[in-house]
Amino acid sequence: INGGSDVVYGAPIRAGDVIRSETRLHSYREKTGRMGPMLITVT
């Protein structure tokens, strides 16, 4: 399931800009919930 998102904006996008996006594996955290073991993954 989706656990949410947060975003910080920087330089504005202007006409003529070429944007590069990179998605990286950031972190893992384990937890136990009602349904058993859970893995919280952040990209």
ModelCIF file with pLDDT and N, C-alpha, C, O atoms, coordinates in Angstrom:
data_MODEL
#
_entry.id   MODEL 
#
_entity.id                         1 
_entity.type                       polymer 
_entity.pdbx_number_of_molecules   1 
#
_entity_poly.entity_id                      1 
_entity_poly.type                           'polypeptide(L)' 
_entity_poly.nstd_linkage                   no 
_entity_poly.nstd_monomer                   no 
_entity_poly.pdbx_seq_one_letter_code       INGGSDVVYGAPIRAGDVIRSETRLHSYREKTGRMGPMLITVT 
_entity_poly.pdbx_seq_one_letter_code_can   INGGSDVVYGAPIRAGDVIRSETRLHSYREKTGRMGPMLITVT 
_entity_poly.pdbx_strand_id                 A 
#
loop_
_entity_poly_seq.entity_id 
_entity_poly_seq.num 
_entity_poly_seq.mon_id 
_entity_poly_seq.hetero 
1 1  ILE n 
1 2  ASN n 
1 3  GLY n 
1 4  GLY n 
1 5  SER n 
1 6  ASP n 
1 7  VAL n 
1 8  VAL n 
1 9  TYR n 
1 10 GLY n 
1 11 ALA n 
1 12 PRO n 
1 13 ILE n 
1 14 ARG n 
1 15 ALA n 
1 16 GLY n 
1 17 ASP n 
1 18 VAL n 
1 19 ILE n 
1 20 ARG n 
1 21 SER n 
1 22 GLU n 
1 23 THR n 
1 24 ARG n 
1 25 LEU n 
1 26 HIS n 
1 27 SER n 
1 28 TYR n 
1 29 ARG n 
1 30 GLU n 
1 31 LYS n 
1 32 THR n 
1 33 GLY n 
1 34 ARG n 
1 35 MET n 
1 36 GLY n 
1 37 PRO n 
1 38 MET n 
1 39 LEU n 
1 40 ILE n 
1 41 THR n 
1 42 VAL n 
1 43 THR n 
#
_struct_asym.id          A 
_struct_asym.entity_id   1 
#
loop_
_ma_qa_metric.id 
_ma_qa_metric.mode 
_ma_qa_metric.name 
_ma_qa_metric.software_group_id 
_ma_qa_metric.type 
1 global pLDDT . pLDDT 
2 local  pLDDT . pLDDT 
#
_ma_qa_metric_global.metric_id      1 
_ma_qa_metric_global.metric_value   95.07 
_ma_qa_metric_global.model_id       1 
_ma_qa_metric_global.ordinal_id     1 
#
loop_
_ma_qa_metric_local.label_asym_id 
_ma_qa_metric_local.label_comp_id 
_ma_qa_metric_local.label_seq_id 
_ma_qa_metric_local.metric_id 
_ma_qa_metric_local.metric_value 
_ma_qa_metric_local.model_id 
_ma_qa_metric_local.ordinal_id 
A ILE 1  2 93.00 1 1  
A ASN 2  2 95.00 1 2  
A GLY 3  2 95.00 1 3  
A GLY 4  2 97.00 1 4  
A SER 5  2 97.00 1 5  
A ASP 6  2 97.00 1 6  
A VAL 7  2 97.00 1 7  
A VAL 8  2 97.00 1 8  
A TYR 9  2 97.00 1 9  
A GLY 10 2 96.00 1 10 
A ALA 11 2 95.00 1 11 
A PRO 12 2 92.00 1 12 
A ILE 13 2 93.00 1 13 
A ARG 14 2 90.00 1 14 
A ALA 15 2 89.00 1 15 
A GLY 16 2 92.00 1 16 
A ASP 17 2 96.00 1 17 
A VAL 18 2 97.00 1 18 
A ILE 19 2 98.00 1 19 
A ARG 20 2 98.00 1 20 
A SER 21 2 98.00 1 21 
A GLU 22 2 97.00 1 22 
A THR 23 2 96.00 1 23 
A ARG 24 2 97.00 1 24 
A LEU 25 2 97.00 1 25 
A HIS 26 2 98.00 1 26 
A SER 27 2 97.00 1 27 
A TYR 28 2 97.00 1 28 
A ARG 29 2 96.00 1 29 
A GLU 30 2 96.00 1 30 
A LYS 31 2 94.00 1 31 
A THR 32 2 93.00 1 32 
A GLY 33 2 89.00 1 33 
A ARG 34 2 91.00 1 34 
A MET 35 2 87.00 1 35 
A GLY 36 2 91.00 1 36 
A PRO 37 2 93.00 1 37 
A MET 38 2 95.00 1 38 
A LEU 39 2 96.00 1 39 
A ILE 40 2 97.00 1 40 
A THR 41 2 97.00 1 41 
A VAL 42 2 98.00 1 42 
A THR 43 2 97.00 1 43 
#
loop_
_atom_site.group_PDB 
_atom_site.id 
_atom_site.type_symbol 
_atom_site.label_atom_id 
_atom_site.label_alt_id 
_atom_site.label_comp_id 
_atom_site.label_asym_id 
_atom_site.label_entity_id 
_atom_site.label_seq_id 
_atom_site.pdbx_PDB_ins_code 
_atom_site.Cartn_x 
_atom_site.Cartn_y 
_atom_site.Cartn_z 
_atom_site.occupancy 
_atom_site.B_iso_or_equiv 
_atom_site.pdbx_formal_charge 
_atom_site.auth_seq_id 
_atom_site.auth_comp_id 
_atom_site.auth_asym_id 
_atom_site.auth_atom_id 
_atom_site.pdbx_PDB_model_num 
ATOM 1   N N  . ILE A 1 1  ? 0.855  -1.194 0.000   1.00 93.00 ? 1  ILE A N  1 
ATOM 2   C CA . ILE A 1 1  ? 0.000  0.000  0.000   1.00 93.00 ? 1  ILE A CA 1 
ATOM 3   C C  . ILE A 1 1  ? 0.886  1.237  0.000   1.00 93.00 ? 1  ILE A C  1 
ATOM 4   O O  . ILE A 1 1  ? 2.058  1.183  0.372   1.00 93.00 ? 1  ILE A O  1 
ATOM 5   N N  . ASN A 1 2  ? 0.303  2.350  -0.424  1.00 95.00 ? 2  ASN A N  1 
ATOM 6   C CA . ASN A 1 2  ? 0.996  3.632  -0.445  1.00 95.00 ? 2  ASN A CA 1 
ATOM 7   C C  . ASN A 1 2  ? 1.065  4.173  0.975   1.00 95.00 ? 2  ASN A C  1 
ATOM 8   O O  . ASN A 1 2  ? 0.050  4.229  1.669   1.00 95.00 ? 2  ASN A O  1 
ATOM 9   N N  . GLY A 1 3  ? 2.258  4.573  1.410   1.00 95.00 ? 3  GLY A N  1 
ATOM 10  C CA . GLY A 1 3  ? 2.440  5.107  2.751   1.00 95.00 ? 3  GLY A CA 1 
ATOM 11  C C  . GLY A 1 3  ? 2.586  6.613  2.782   1.00 95.00 ? 3  GLY A C  1 
ATOM 12  O O  . GLY A 1 3  ? 2.791  7.182  3.854   1.00 95.00 ? 3  GLY A O  1 
ATOM 13  N N  . GLY A 1 4  ? 2.487  7.287  1.629   1.00 97.00 ? 4  GLY A N  1 
ATOM 14  C CA . GLY A 1 4  ? 2.558  8.748  1.597   1.00 97.00 ? 4  GLY A CA 1 
ATOM 15  C C  . GLY A 1 4  ? 3.786  9.269  0.884   1.00 97.00 ? 4  GLY A C  1 
ATOM 16  O O  . GLY A 1 4  ? 4.695  8.517  0.530   1.00 97.00 ? 4  GLY A O  1 
ATOM 17  N N  . SER A 1 5  ? 3.789  10.578 0.681   1.00 97.00 ? 5  SER A N  1 
ATOM 18  C CA . SER A 1 5  ? 4.872  11.262 -0.023  1.00 97.00 ? 5  SER A CA 1 
ATOM 19  C C  . SER A 1 5  ? 5.137  12.607 0.638   1.00 97.00 ? 5  SER A C  1 
ATOM 20  O O  . SER A 1 5  ? 4.245  13.210 1.235   1.00 97.00 ? 5  SER A O  1 
ATOM 21  N N  . ASP A 1 6  ? 6.366  13.059 0.521   1.00 97.00 ? 6  ASP A N  1 
ATOM 22  C CA . ASP A 1 6  ? 6.668  14.442 0.888   1.00 97.00 ? 6  ASP A CA 1 
ATOM 23  C C  . ASP A 1 6  ? 7.630  14.996 -0.148  1.00 97.00 ? 6  ASP A C  1 
ATOM 24  O O  . ASP A 1 6  ? 8.471  14.277 -0.685  1.00 97.00 ? 6  ASP A O  1 
ATOM 25  N N  . VAL A 1 7  ? 7.491  16.290 -0.419  1.00 97.00 ? 7  VAL A N  1 
ATOM 26  C CA . VAL A 1 7  ? 8.249  16.926 -1.493  1.00 97.00 ? 7  VAL A CA 1 
ATOM 27  C C  . VAL A 1 7  ? 8.757  18.280 -1.023  1.00 97.00 ? 7  VAL A C  1 
ATOM 28  O O  . VAL A 1 7  ? 8.055  19.017 -0.332  1.00 97.00 ? 7  VAL A O  1 
ATOM 29  N N  . VAL A 1 8  ? 9.992  18.596 -1.410  1.00 97.00 ? 8  VAL A N  1 
ATOM 30  C CA . VAL A 1 8  ? 10.567 19.922 -1.206  1.00 97.00 ? 8  VAL A CA 1 
ATOM 31  C C  . VAL A 1 8  ? 10.922 20.449 -2.595  1.00 97.00 ? 8  VAL A C  1 
ATOM 32  O O  . VAL A 1 8  ? 11.630 19.788 -3.356  1.00 97.00 ? 8  VAL A O  1 
ATOM 33  N N  . TYR A 1 9  ? 10.425 21.643 -2.919  1.00 97.00 ? 9  TYR A N  1 
ATOM 34  C CA . TYR A 1 9  ? 10.672 22.230 -4.235  1.00 97.00 ? 9  TYR A CA 1 
ATOM 35  C C  . TYR A 1 9  ? 11.880 23.158 -4.185  1.00 97.00 ? 9  TYR A C  1 
ATOM 36  O O  . TYR A 1 9  ? 12.146 23.797 -3.167  1.00 97.00 ? 9  TYR A O  1 
ATOM 37  N N  . GLY A 1 10 ? 12.600 23.222 -5.288  1.00 96.00 ? 10 GLY A N  1 
ATOM 38  C CA . GLY A 1 10 ? 13.783 24.075 -5.387  1.00 96.00 ? 10 GLY A CA 1 
ATOM 39  C C  . GLY A 1 10 ? 13.645 25.064 -6.524  1.00 96.00 ? 10 GLY A C  1 
ATOM 40  O O  . GLY A 1 10 ? 12.720 25.877 -6.546  1.00 96.00 ? 10 GLY A O  1 
ATOM 41  N N  . ALA A 1 11 ? 14.575 24.991 -7.473  1.00 95.00 ? 11 ALA A N  1 
ATOM 42  C CA . ALA A 1 11 ? 14.581 25.915 -8.612  1.00 95.00 ? 11 ALA A CA 1 
ATOM 43  C C  . ALA A 1 11 ? 13.296 25.754 -9.423  1.00 95.00 ? 11 ALA A C  1 
ATOM 44  O O  . ALA A 1 11 ? 12.826 24.632 -9.613  1.00 95.00 ? 11 ALA A O  1 
ATOM 45  N N  . PRO A 1 12 ? 12.726 26.850 -9.901  1.00 92.00 ? 12 PRO A N  1 
ATOM 46  C CA . PRO A 1 12 ? 11.511 26.739 -10.713 1.00 92.00 ? 12 PRO A CA 1 
ATOM 47  C C  . PRO A 1 12 ? 11.816 26.156 -12.092 1.00 92.00 ? 12 PRO A C  1 
ATOM 48  O O  . PRO A 1 12 ? 12.924 26.291 -12.611 1.00 92.00 ? 12 PRO A O  1 
ATOM 49  N N  . ILE A 1 13 ? 10.814 25.510 -12.668 1.00 93.00 ? 13 ILE A N  1 
ATOM 50  C CA . ILE A 1 13 ? 10.932 25.005 -14.042 1.00 93.00 ? 13 ILE A CA 1 
ATOM 51  C C  . ILE A 1 13 ? 10.508 26.125 -14.979 1.00 93.00 ? 13 ILE A C  1 
ATOM 52  O O  . ILE A 1 13 ? 9.442  26.720 -14.818 1.00 93.00 ? 13 ILE A O  1 
ATOM 53  N N  . ARG A 1 14 ? 11.355 26.400 -15.955 1.00 90.00 ? 14 ARG A N  1 
ATOM 54  C CA . ARG A 1 14 ? 11.091 27.467 -16.933 1.00 90.00 ? 14 ARG A CA 1 
ATOM 55  C C  . ARG A 1 14 ? 11.036 26.870 -18.332 1.00 90.00 ? 14 ARG A C  1 
ATOM 56  O O  . ARG A 1 14 ? 11.530 25.769 -18.576 1.00 90.00 ? 14 ARG A O  1 
ATOM 57  N N  . ALA A 1 15 ? 10.432 27.611 -19.233 1.00 89.00 ? 15 ALA A N  1 
ATOM 58  C CA . ALA A 1 15 ? 10.392 27.187 -20.632 1.00 89.00 ? 15 ALA A CA 1 
ATOM 59  C C  . ALA A 1 15 ? 11.823 26.972 -21.118 1.00 89.00 ? 15 ALA A C  1 
ATOM 60  O O  . ALA A 1 15 ? 12.699 27.799 -20.866 1.00 89.00 ? 15 ALA A O  1 
ATOM 61  N N  . GLY A 1 16 ? 12.058 25.858 -21.818 1.00 92.00 ? 16 GLY A N  1 
ATOM 62  C CA . GLY A 1 16 ? 13.376 25.517 -22.329 1.00 92.00 ? 16 GLY A CA 1 
ATOM 63  C C  . GLY A 1 16 ? 14.155 24.564 -21.436 1.00 92.00 ? 16 GLY A C  1 
ATOM 64  O O  . GLY A 1 16 ? 15.128 23.959 -21.885 1.00 92.00 ? 16 GLY A O  1 
ATOM 65  N N  . ASP A 1 17 ? 13.744 24.420 -20.174 1.00 96.00 ? 17 ASP A N  1 
ATOM 66  C CA . ASP A 1 17 ? 14.444 23.511 -19.266 1.00 96.00 ? 17 ASP A CA 1 
ATOM 67  C C  . ASP A 1 17 ? 14.290 22.060 -19.700 1.00 96.00 ? 17 ASP A C  1 
ATOM 68  O O  . ASP A 1 17 ? 13.248 21.660 -20.218 1.00 96.00 ? 17 ASP A O  1 
ATOM 69  N N  . VAL A 1 18 ? 15.341 21.282 -19.482 1.00 97.00 ? 18 VAL A N  1 
ATOM 70  C CA . VAL A 1 18 ? 15.318 19.832 -19.665 1.00 97.00 ? 18 VAL A CA 1 
ATOM 71  C C  . VAL A 1 18 ? 15.499 19.256 -18.265 1.00 97.00 ? 18 VAL A C  1 
ATOM 72  O O  . VAL A 1 18 ? 16.490 19.545 -17.595 1.00 97.00 ? 18 VAL A O  1 
ATOM 73  N N  . ILE A 1 19 ? 14.549 18.446 -17.826 1.00 98.00 ? 19 ILE A N  1 
ATOM 74  C CA . ILE A 1 19 ? 14.543 17.933 -16.465 1.00 98.00 ? 19 ILE A CA 1 
ATOM 75  C C  . ILE A 1 19 ? 14.954 16.464 -16.461 1.00 98.00 ? 19 ILE A C  1 
ATOM 76  O O  . ILE A 1 19 ? 14.485 15.667 -17.273 1.00 98.00 ? 19 ILE A O  1 
ATOM 77  N N  . ARG A 1 20 ? 15.846 16.126 -15.523 1.00 98.00 ? 20 ARG A N  1 
ATOM 78  C CA . ARG A 1 20 ? 16.251 14.736 -15.317 1.00 98.00 ? 20 ARG A CA 1 
ATOM 79  C C  . ARG A 1 20 ? 15.701 14.290 -13.969 1.00 98.00 ? 20 ARG A C  1 
ATOM 80  O O  . ARG A 1 20 ? 15.839 14.992 -12.967 1.00 98.00 ? 20 ARG A O  1 
ATOM 81  N N  . SER A 1 21 ? 15.081 13.126 -13.955 1.00 98.00 ? 21 SER A N  1 
ATOM 82  C CA . SER A 1 21 ? 14.544 12.541 -12.734 1.00 98.00 ? 21 SER A CA 1 
ATOM 83  C C  . SER A 1 21 ? 15.325 11.277 -12.424 1.00 98.00 ? 21 SER A C  1 
ATOM 84  O O  . SER A 1 21 ? 15.548 10.445 -13.304 1.00 98.00 ? 21 SER A O  1 
ATOM 85  N N  . GLU A 1 22 ? 15.744 11.134 -11.165 1.00 97.00 ? 22 GLU A N  1 
ATOM 86  C CA . GLU A 1 22 ? 16.385 9.892  -10.714 1.00 97.00 ? 22 GLU A CA 1 
ATOM 87  C C  . GLU A 1 22 ? 15.651 9.400  -9.478  1.00 97.00 ? 22 GLU A C  1 
ATOM 88  O O  . GLU A 1 22 ? 15.422 10.157 -8.535  1.00 97.00 ? 22 GLU A O  1 
ATOM 89  N N  . THR A 1 23 ? 15.284 8.122  -9.495  1.00 96.00 ? 23 THR A N  1 
ATOM 90  C CA . THR A 1 23 ? 14.642 7.488  -8.344  1.00 96.00 ? 23 THR A CA 1 
ATOM 91  C C  . THR A 1 23 ? 15.646 6.516  -7.737  1.00 96.00 ? 23 THR A C  1 
ATOM 92  O O  . THR A 1 23 ? 16.154 5.623  -8.415  1.00 96.00 ? 23 THR A O  1 
ATOM 93  N N  . ARG A 1 24 ? 15.925 6.708  -6.433  1.00 97.00 ? 24 ARG A N  1 
ATOM 94  C CA . ARG A 1 24 ? 16.884 5.863  -5.729  1.00 97.00 ? 24 ARG A CA 1 
ATOM 95  C C  . ARG A 1 24 ? 16.212 5.149  -4.570  1.00 97.00 ? 24 ARG A C  1 
ATOM 96  O O  . ARG A 1 24 ? 15.275 5.667  -3.962  1.00 97.00 ? 24 ARG A O  1 
ATOM 97  N N  . LEU A 1 25 ? 16.698 3.968  -4.275  1.00 97.00 ? 25 LEU A N  1 
ATOM 98  C CA . LEU A 1 25 ? 16.266 3.243  -3.096  1.00 97.00 ? 25 LEU A CA 1 
ATOM 99  C C  . LEU A 1 25 ? 16.885 3.943  -1.895  1.00 97.00 ? 25 LEU A C  1 
ATOM 100 O O  . LEU A 1 25 ? 18.109 3.977  -1.767  1.00 97.00 ? 25 LEU A O  1 
ATOM 101 N N  . HIS A 1 26 ? 16.065 4.500  -1.017  1.00 98.00 ? 26 HIS A N  1 
ATOM 102 C CA . HIS A 1 26 ? 16.555 5.342  0.076   1.00 98.00 ? 26 HIS A CA 1 
ATOM 103 C C  . HIS A 1 26 ? 16.700 4.599  1.405   1.00 98.00 ? 26 HIS A C  1 
ATOM 104 O O  . HIS A 1 26 ? 17.746 4.678  2.049   1.00 98.00 ? 26 HIS A O  1 
ATOM 105 N N  . SER A 1 27 ? 15.647 3.873  1.820   1.00 97.00 ? 27 SER A N  1 
ATOM 106 C CA . SER A 1 27 ? 15.748 3.203  3.124   1.00 97.00 ? 27 SER A CA 1 
ATOM 107 C C  . SER A 1 27 ? 14.717 2.094  3.271   1.00 97.00 ? 27 SER A C  1 
ATOM 108 O O  . SER A 1 27 ? 13.705 2.050  2.572   1.00 97.00 ? 27 SER A O  1 
ATOM 109 N N  . TYR A 1 28 ? 15.014 1.208  4.203   1.00 97.00 ? 28 TYR A N  1 
ATOM 110 C CA . TYR A 1 28 ? 14.090 0.151  4.632   1.00 97.00 ? 28 TYR A CA 1 
ATOM 111 C C  . TYR A 1 28 ? 13.932 0.266  6.141   1.00 97.00 ? 28 TYR A C  1 
ATOM 112 O O  . TYR A 1 28 ? 14.878 0.610  6.850   1.00 97.00 ? 28 TYR A O  1 
ATOM 113 N N  . ARG A 1 29 ? 12.734 -0.024 6.625   1.00 96.00 ? 29 ARG A N  1 
ATOM 114 C CA . ARG A 1 29 ? 12.488 -0.102 8.060   1.00 96.00 ? 29 ARG A CA 1 
ATOM 115 C C  . ARG A 1 29 ? 11.471 -1.210 8.298   1.00 96.00 ? 29 ARG A C  1 
ATOM 116 O O  . ARG A 1 29 ? 10.468 -1.302 7.590   1.00 96.00 ? 29 ARG A O  1 
ATOM 117 N N  . GLU A 1 30 ? 11.727 -2.035 9.278   1.00 96.00 ? 30 GLU A N  1 
ATOM 118 C CA . GLU A 1 30 ? 10.824 -3.136 9.594   1.00 96.00 ? 30 GLU A CA 1 
ATOM 119 C C  . GLU A 1 30 ? 9.984  -2.795 10.812  1.00 96.00 ? 30 GLU A C  1 
ATOM 120 O O  . GLU A 1 30 ? 10.416 -2.081 11.716  1.00 96.00 ? 30 GLU A O  1 
ATOM 121 N N  . LYS A 1 31 ? 8.762  -3.333 10.804  1.00 94.00 ? 31 LYS A N  1 
ATOM 122 C CA . LYS A 1 31 ? 7.830  -3.090 11.885  1.00 94.00 ? 31 LYS A CA 1 
ATOM 123 C C  . LYS A 1 31 ? 6.860  -4.264 11.938  1.00 94.00 ? 31 LYS A C  1 
ATOM 124 O O  . LYS A 1 31 ? 6.696  -4.978 10.949  1.00 94.00 ? 31 LYS A O  1 
ATOM 125 N N  . THR A 1 32 ? 6.227  -4.467 13.067  1.00 93.00 ? 32 THR A N  1 
ATOM 126 C CA . THR A 1 32 ? 5.202  -5.490 13.169  1.00 93.00 ? 32 THR A CA 1 
ATOM 127 C C  . THR A 1 32 ? 3.861  -4.805 13.370  1.00 93.00 ? 32 THR A C  1 
ATOM 128 O O  . THR A 1 32 ? 3.716  -3.942 14.236  1.00 93.00 ? 32 THR A O  1 
ATOM 129 N N  . GLY A 1 33 ? 2.883  -5.195 12.565  1.00 89.00 ? 33 GLY A N  1 
ATOM 130 C CA . GLY A 1 33 ? 1.536  -4.631 12.658  1.00 89.00 ? 33 GLY A CA 1 
ATOM 131 C C  . GLY A 1 33 ? 0.514  -5.715 12.945  1.00 89.00 ? 33 GLY A C  1 
ATOM 132 O O  . GLY A 1 33 ? 0.871  -6.864 13.205  1.00 89.00 ? 33 GLY A O  1 
ATOM 133 N N  . ARG A 1 34 ? -0.758 -5.345 12.897  1.00 91.00 ? 34 ARG A N  1 
ATOM 134 C CA . ARG A 1 34 ? -1.834 -6.323 13.131  1.00 91.00 ? 34 ARG A CA 1 
ATOM 135 C C  . ARG A 1 34 ? -1.782 -7.486 12.163  1.00 91.00 ? 34 ARG A C  1 
ATOM 136 O O  . ARG A 1 34 ? -2.161 -8.605 12.508  1.00 91.00 ? 34 ARG A O  1 
ATOM 137 N N  . MET A 1 35 ? -1.310 -7.224 10.942  1.00 87.00 ? 35 MET A N  1 
ATOM 138 C CA . MET A 1 35 ? -1.275 -8.248 9.900   1.00 87.00 ? 35 MET A CA 1 
ATOM 139 C C  . MET A 1 35 ? 0.052  -9.022 9.895   1.00 87.00 ? 35 MET A C  1 
ATOM 140 O O  . MET A 1 35 ? 0.261  -9.891 9.048   1.00 87.00 ? 35 MET A O  1 
ATOM 141 N N  . GLY A 1 36 ? 0.939  -8.707 10.833  1.00 91.00 ? 36 GLY A N  1 
ATOM 142 C CA . GLY A 1 36 ? 2.223  -9.398 10.899  1.00 91.00 ? 36 GLY A CA 1 
ATOM 143 C C  . GLY A 1 36 ? 3.374  -8.492 10.527  1.00 91.00 ? 36 GLY A C  1 
ATOM 144 O O  . GLY A 1 36 ? 3.281  -7.274 10.679  1.00 91.00 ? 36 GLY A O  1 
ATOM 145 N N  . PRO A 1 37 ? 4.476  -9.078 10.034  1.00 93.00 ? 37 PRO A N  1 
ATOM 146 C CA . PRO A 1 37 ? 5.660  -8.289 9.690   1.00 93.00 ? 37 PRO A CA 1 
ATOM 147 C C  . PRO A 1 37 ? 5.379  -7.330 8.536   1.00 93.00 ? 37 PRO A C  1 
ATOM 148 O O  . PRO A 1 37 ? 4.703  -7.680 7.569   1.00 93.00 ? 37 PRO A O  1 
ATOM 149 N N  . MET A 1 38 ? 5.909  -6.116 8.658   1.00 95.00 ? 38 MET A N  1 
ATOM 150 C CA . MET A 1 38 ? 5.755  -5.101 7.612   1.00 95.00 ? 38 MET A CA 1 
ATOM 151 C C  . MET A 1 38 ? 7.122  -4.559 7.236   1.00 95.00 ? 38 MET A C  1 
ATOM 152 O O  . MET A 1 38 ? 8.016  -4.462 8.077   1.00 95.00 ? 38 MET A O  1 
ATOM 153 N N  . LEU A 1 39 ? 7.279  -4.206 5.964   1.00 96.00 ? 39 LEU A N  1 
ATOM 154 C CA . LEU A 1 39 ? 8.502  -3.569 5.487   1.00 96.00 ? 39 LEU A CA 1 
ATOM 155 C C  . LEU A 1 39 ? 8.118  -2.200 4.935   1.00 96.00 ? 39 LEU A C  1 
ATOM 156 O O  . LEU A 1 39 ? 7.331  -2.095 3.994   1.00 96.00 ? 39 LEU A O  1 
ATOM 157 N N  . ILE A 1 40 ? 8.676  -1.170 5.526   1.00 97.00 ? 40 ILE A N  1 
ATOM 158 C CA . ILE A 1 40 ? 8.428  0.204  5.083   1.00 97.00 ? 40 ILE A CA 1 
ATOM 159 C C  . ILE A 1 40 ? 9.622  0.606  4.221   1.00 97.00 ? 40 ILE A C  1 
ATOM 160 O O  . ILE A 1 40 ? 10.760 0.647  4.689   1.00 97.00 ? 40 ILE A O  1 
ATOM 161 N N  . THR A 1 41 ? 9.340  0.897  2.965   1.00 97.00 ? 41 THR A N  1 
ATOM 162 C CA . THR A 1 41 ? 10.378 1.217  1.987   1.00 97.00 ? 41 THR A CA 1 
ATOM 163 C C  . THR A 1 41 ? 10.211 2.654  1.529   1.00 97.00 ? 41 THR A C  1 
ATOM 164 O O  . THR A 1 41 ? 9.108  3.085  1.192   1.00 97.00 ? 41 THR A O  1 
ATOM 165 N N  . VAL A 1 42 ? 11.314 3.395  1.519   1.00 98.00 ? 42 VAL A N  1 
ATOM 166 C CA . VAL A 1 42 ? 11.289 4.785  1.058   1.00 98.00 ? 42 VAL A CA 1 
ATOM 167 C C  . VAL A 1 42 ? 12.174 4.901  -0.174  1.00 98.00 ? 42 VAL A C  1 
ATOM 168 O O  . VAL A 1 42 ? 13.325 4.467  -0.171  1.00 98.00 ? 42 VAL A O  1 
ATOM 169 N N  . THR A 1 43 ? 11.617 5.496  -1.231  1.00 97.00 ? 43 THR A N  1 
ATOM 170 C CA . THR A 1 43 ? 12.410 5.832  -2.415  1.00 97.00 ? 43 THR A CA 1 
ATOM 171 C C  . THR A 1 43 ? 12.551 7.343  -2.463  1.00 97.00 ? 43 THR A C  1 
ATOM 172 O O  . THR A 1 43 ? 13.182 7.875  -3.377  1.00 97.00 ? 43 THR A O  1 
#
